[in-house]
Amino acid sequence: MAEVHHILPLEHGGSHDFSNLRSLCKPCHSRQSALDGDRWRQQPRLYTY
């Protein structure tokens, strides 16, 4: 099951618009939450298992 991630967090002016959302698996969403935004944006956006 996928989770929805805000690329630009709501508290930093992001929105619920589709252009600011991406779907992530739970492990990737947890990983993203542990990283700051700039480092996460540099990570590959597609993971295969």
PDB file of N, CA and C in Angstrom:
ATOM      1  N   MET A   1       0.837  -1.168   0.000  1.00  0.00           N
ATOM      2  CA  MET A   1       0.000   0.000   0.000  1.00  0.00           C
ATOM      3  C   MET A   1       0.889   1.241   0.000  1.00  0.00           C
ATOM      4  N   ALA A   2       0.513   2.234  -0.761  1.00  0.00           N
ATOM      5  CA  ALA A   2       1.285   3.470  -0.857  1.00  0.00           C
ATOM      6  C   ALA A   2       0.769   4.512   0.128  1.00  0.00           C
ATOM      7  N   GLU A   3       1.649   5.410   0.485  1.00  0.00           N
ATOM      8  CA  GLU A   3       1.307   6.557   1.314  1.00  0.00           C
ATOM      9  C   GLU A   3       1.531   7.808   0.481  1.00  0.00           C
ATOM     10  N   VAL A   4       0.865   8.890   0.835  1.00  0.00           N
ATOM     11  CA  VAL A   4       0.993  10.147   0.097  1.00  0.00           C
ATOM     12  C   VAL A   4       1.934  11.073   0.857  1.00  0.00           C
ATOM     13  N   HIS A   5       2.895  11.609   0.135  1.00  0.00           N
ATOM     14  CA  HIS A   5       3.895  12.504   0.713  1.00  0.00           C
ATOM     15  C   HIS A   5       3.763  13.885   0.087  1.00  0.00           C
ATOM     16  N   HIS A   6       3.835  14.926   0.921  1.00  0.00           N
ATOM     17  CA  HIS A   6       3.872  16.304   0.430  1.00  0.00           C
ATOM     18  C   HIS A   6       5.327  16.648   0.106  1.00  0.00           C
ATOM     19  N   ILE A   7       5.609  16.995  -1.129  1.00  0.00           N
ATOM     20  CA  ILE A   7       6.968  17.348  -1.537  1.00  0.00           C
ATOM     21  C   ILE A   7       7.423  18.587  -0.767  1.00  0.00           C
ATOM     22  N   LEU A   8       6.619  19.639  -0.808  1.00  0.00           N
ATOM     23  CA  LEU A   8       6.854  20.823   0.016  1.00  0.00           C
ATOM     24  C   LEU A   8       5.862  20.740   1.166  1.00  0.00           C
ATOM     25  N   PRO A   9       6.340  20.578   2.390  1.00  0.00           N
ATOM     26  CA  PRO A   9       5.434  20.403   3.528  1.00  0.00           C
ATOM     27  C   PRO A   9       4.432  21.549   3.658  1.00  0.00           C
ATOM     28  N   LEU A  10       3.264  21.227   4.179  1.00  0.00           N
ATOM     29  CA  LEU A  10       2.221  22.232   4.378  1.00  0.00           C
ATOM     30  C   LEU A  10       2.725  23.392   5.223  1.00  0.00           C
ATOM     31  N   GLU A  11       3.509  23.097   6.250  1.00  0.00           N
ATOM     32  CA  GLU A  11       3.996  24.152   7.138  1.00  0.00           C
ATOM     33  C   GLU A  11       5.016  25.070   6.474  1.00  0.00           C
ATOM     34  N   HIS A  12       5.486  24.701   5.286  1.00  0.00           N
ATOM     35  CA  HIS A  12       6.418  25.546   4.532  1.00  0.00           C
ATOM     36  C   HIS A  12       5.767  26.113   3.276  1.00  0.00           C
ATOM     37  N   GLY A  13       4.440  26.158   3.265  1.00  0.00           N
ATOM     38  CA  GLY A  13       3.720  26.754   2.145  1.00  0.00           C
ATOM     39  C   GLY A  13       3.248  25.774   1.093  1.00  0.00           C
ATOM     40  N   GLY A  14       3.446  24.487   1.310  1.00  0.00           N
ATOM     41  CA  GLY A  14       2.974  23.481   0.367  1.00  0.00           C
ATOM     42  C   GLY A  14       1.459  23.363   0.389  1.00  0.00           C
ATOM     43  N   SER A  15       0.932  22.647  -0.582  1.00  0.00           N
ATOM     44  CA  SER A  15      -0.515  22.486  -0.688  1.00  0.00           C
ATOM     45  C   SER A  15      -0.856  21.013  -0.872  1.00  0.00           C
ATOM     46  N   HIS A  16      -2.162  20.750  -0.931  1.00  0.00           N
ATOM     47  CA  HIS A  16      -2.646  19.399  -1.208  1.00  0.00           C
ATOM     48  C   HIS A  16      -2.827  19.175  -2.714  1.00  0.00           C
ATOM     49  N   ASP A  17      -2.339  20.087  -3.541  1.00  0.00           N
ATOM     50  CA  ASP A  17      -2.443  19.965  -4.989  1.00  0.00           C
ATOM     51  C   ASP A  17      -1.636  18.758  -5.464  1.00  0.00           C
ATOM     52  N   PHE A  18      -2.134  18.079  -6.499  1.00  0.00           N
ATOM     53  CA  PHE A  18      -1.453  16.886  -7.009  1.00  0.00           C
ATOM     54  C   PHE A  18       0.001  17.152  -7.394  1.00  0.00           C
ATOM     55  N   SER A  19       0.308  18.372  -7.829  1.00  0.00           N
ATOM     56  CA  SER A  19       1.687  18.676  -8.221  1.00  0.00           C
ATOM     57  C   SER A  19       2.636  18.699  -7.018  1.00  0.00           C
ATOM     58  N   ASN A  20       2.099  18.752  -5.808  1.00  0.00           N
ATOM     59  CA  ASN A  20       2.920  18.761  -4.596  1.00  0.00           C
ATOM     60  C   ASN A  20       2.869  17.422  -3.862  1.00  0.00           C
ATOM     61  N   LEU A  21       2.302  16.416  -4.477  1.00  0.00           N
ATOM     62  CA  LEU A  21       2.156  15.117  -3.833  1.00  0.00           C
ATOM     63  C   LEU A  21       2.883  14.041  -4.618  1.00  0.00           C
ATOM     64  N   ARG A  22       3.343  13.036  -3.907  1.00  0.00           N
ATOM     65  CA  ARG A  22       3.868  11.846  -4.577  1.00  0.00           C
ATOM     66  C   ARG A  22       3.555  10.643  -3.707  1.00  0.00           C
ATOM     67  N   SER A  23       3.382   9.513  -4.344  1.00  0.00           N
ATOM     68  CA  SER A  23       3.091   8.298  -3.583  1.00  0.00           C
ATOM     69  C   SER A  23       4.402   7.579  -3.286  1.00  0.00           C
ATOM     70  N   LEU A  24       4.501   7.093  -2.070  1.00  0.00           N
ATOM     71  CA  LEU A  24       5.684   6.371  -1.619  1.00  0.00           C
ATOM     72  C   LEU A  24       5.242   5.138  -0.848  1.00  0.00           C
ATOM     73  N   CYS A  25       6.043   4.093  -0.921  1.00  0.00           N
ATOM     74  CA  CYS A  25       5.780   2.945  -0.059  1.00  0.00           C
ATOM     75  C   CYS A  25       6.111   3.358   1.377  1.00  0.00           C
ATOM     76  N   LYS A  26       5.602   2.619   2.331  1.00  0.00           N
ATOM     77  CA  LYS A  26       5.796   2.979   3.742  1.00  0.00           C
ATOM     78  C   LYS A  26       7.273   3.100   4.127  1.00  0.00           C
ATOM     79  N   PRO A  27       8.151   2.142   3.731  1.00  0.00           N
ATOM     80  CA  PRO A  27       9.572   2.297   4.089  1.00  0.00           C
ATOM     81  C   PRO A  27      10.207   3.562   3.504  1.00  0.00           C
ATOM     82  N   CYS A  28       9.863   3.890   2.256  1.00  0.00           N
ATOM     83  CA  CYS A  28      10.431   5.095   1.641  1.00  0.00           C
ATOM     84  C   CYS A  28       9.886   6.356   2.300  1.00  0.00           C
ATOM     85  N   HIS A  29       8.604   6.347   2.667  1.00  0.00           N
ATOM     86  CA  HIS A  29       8.021   7.506   3.335  1.00  0.00           C
ATOM     87  C   HIS A  29       8.672   7.712   4.699  1.00  0.00           C
ATOM     88  N   SER A  30       8.924   6.631   5.414  1.00  0.00           N
ATOM     89  CA  SER A  30       9.614   6.735   6.700  1.00  0.00           C
ATOM     90  C   SER A  30      11.030   7.268   6.509  1.00  0.00           C
ATOM     91  N   ARG A  31      11.694   6.801   5.467  1.00  0.00           N
ATOM     92  CA  ARG A  31      13.052   7.263   5.178  1.00  0.00           C
ATOM     93  C   ARG A  31      13.051   8.752   4.846  1.00  0.00           C
ATOM     94  N   GLN A  32      12.087   9.180   4.048  1.00  0.00           N
ATOM     95  CA  GLN A  32      11.984  10.587   3.680  1.00  0.00           C
ATOM     96  C   GLN A  32      11.799  11.452   4.913  1.00  0.00           C
ATOM     97  N   SER A  33      10.986  10.995   5.831  1.00  0.00           N
ATOM     98  CA  SER A  33      10.719  11.768   7.045  1.00  0.00           C
ATOM     99  C   SER A  33      11.977  11.941   7.886  1.00  0.00           C
ATOM    100  N   ALA A  34      12.912  11.026   7.779  1.00  0.00           N
ATOM    101  CA  ALA A  34      14.155  11.095   8.547  1.00  0.00           C
ATOM    102  C   ALA A  34      15.195  12.005   7.895  1.00  0.00           C
ATOM    103  N   LEU A  35      14.994  12.368   6.638  1.00  0.00           N
ATOM    104  CA  LEU A  35      15.940  13.216   5.909  1.00  0.00           C
ATOM    105  C   LEU A  35      15.396  14.627   5.787  1.00  0.00           C
ATOM    106  N   ASP A  36      16.268  15.588   5.615  1.00  0.00           N
ATOM    107  CA  ASP A  36      15.772  16.924   5.322  1.00  0.00           C
ATOM    108  C   ASP A  36      15.374  16.987   3.852  1.00  0.00           C
ATOM    109  N   GLY A  37      14.571  17.972   3.474  1.00  0.00           N
ATOM    110  CA  GLY A  37      14.011  18.065   2.134  1.00  0.00           C
ATOM    111  C   GLY A  37      15.033  18.076   1.016  1.00  0.00           C
ATOM    112  N   ASP A  38      16.114  18.838   1.164  1.00  0.00           N
ATOM    113  CA  ASP A  38      17.097  18.930   0.089  1.00  0.00           C
ATOM    114  C   ASP A  38      17.782  17.601  -0.171  1.00  0.00           C
ATOM    115  N   ARG A  39      18.136  16.884   0.873  1.00  0.00           N
ATOM    116  CA  ARG A  39      18.793  15.592   0.670  1.00  0.00           C
ATOM    117  C   ARG A  39      17.834  14.602   0.040  1.00  0.00           C
ATOM    118  N   TRP A  40      16.561  14.606   0.447  1.00  0.00           N
ATOM    119  CA  TRP A  40      15.600  13.666  -0.122  1.00  0.00           C
ATOM    120  C   TRP A  40      15.384  13.936  -1.605  1.00  0.00           C
ATOM    121  N   ARG A  41      15.309  15.199  -1.996  1.00  0.00           N
ATOM    122  CA  ARG A  41      15.060  15.532  -3.403  1.00  0.00           C
ATOM    123  C   ARG A  41      16.184  15.031  -4.303  1.00  0.00           C
ATOM    124  N   GLN A  42      17.371  14.819  -3.764  1.00  0.00           N
ATOM    125  CA  GLN A  42      18.494  14.333  -4.555  1.00  0.00           C
ATOM    126  C   GLN A  42      18.474  12.815  -4.707  1.00  0.00           C
ATOM    127  N   GLN A  43      17.610  12.128  -3.978  1.00  0.00           N
ATOM    128  CA  GLN A  43      17.521  10.673  -4.052  1.00  0.00           C
ATOM    129  C   GLN A  43      16.741  10.266  -5.302  1.00  0.00           C
ATOM    130  N   PRO A  44      16.990   9.077  -5.838  1.00  0.00           N
ATOM    131  CA  PRO A  44      16.198   8.597  -6.977  1.00  0.00           C
ATOM    132  C   PRO A  44      14.719   8.565  -6.610  1.00  0.00           C
ATOM    133  N   ARG A  45      13.853   8.821  -7.581  1.00  0.00           N
ATOM    134  CA  ARG A  45      12.422   8.869  -7.316  1.00  0.00           C
ATOM    135  C   ARG A  45      11.714   7.557  -7.609  1.00  0.00           C
ATOM    136  N   LEU A  46      12.396   6.610  -8.205  1.00  0.00           N
ATOM    137  CA  LEU A  46      11.769   5.333  -8.525  1.00  0.00           C
ATOM    138  C   LEU A  46      12.618   4.224  -7.931  1.00  0.00           C
ATOM    139  N   TYR A  47      11.986   3.390  -7.149  1.00  0.00           N
ATOM    140  CA  TYR A  47      12.671   2.265  -6.535  1.00  0.00           C
ATOM    141  C   TYR A  47      12.028   0.979  -7.028  1.00  0.00           C
ATOM    142  N   THR A  48      12.827  -0.025  -7.300  1.00  0.00           N
ATOM    143  CA  THR A  48      12.299  -1.332  -7.672  1.00  0.00           C
ATOM    144  C   THR A  48      12.706  -2.334  -6.609  1.00  0.00           C
ATOM    145  N   TYR A  49      11.849  -3.300  -6.400  1.00  0.00           N
ATOM    146  CA  TYR A  49      12.099  -4.314  -5.374  1.00  0.00           C
ATOM    147  C   TYR A  49      12.094  -5.685  -5.994  1.00  0.00           C
TER     148      TYR A  49
END
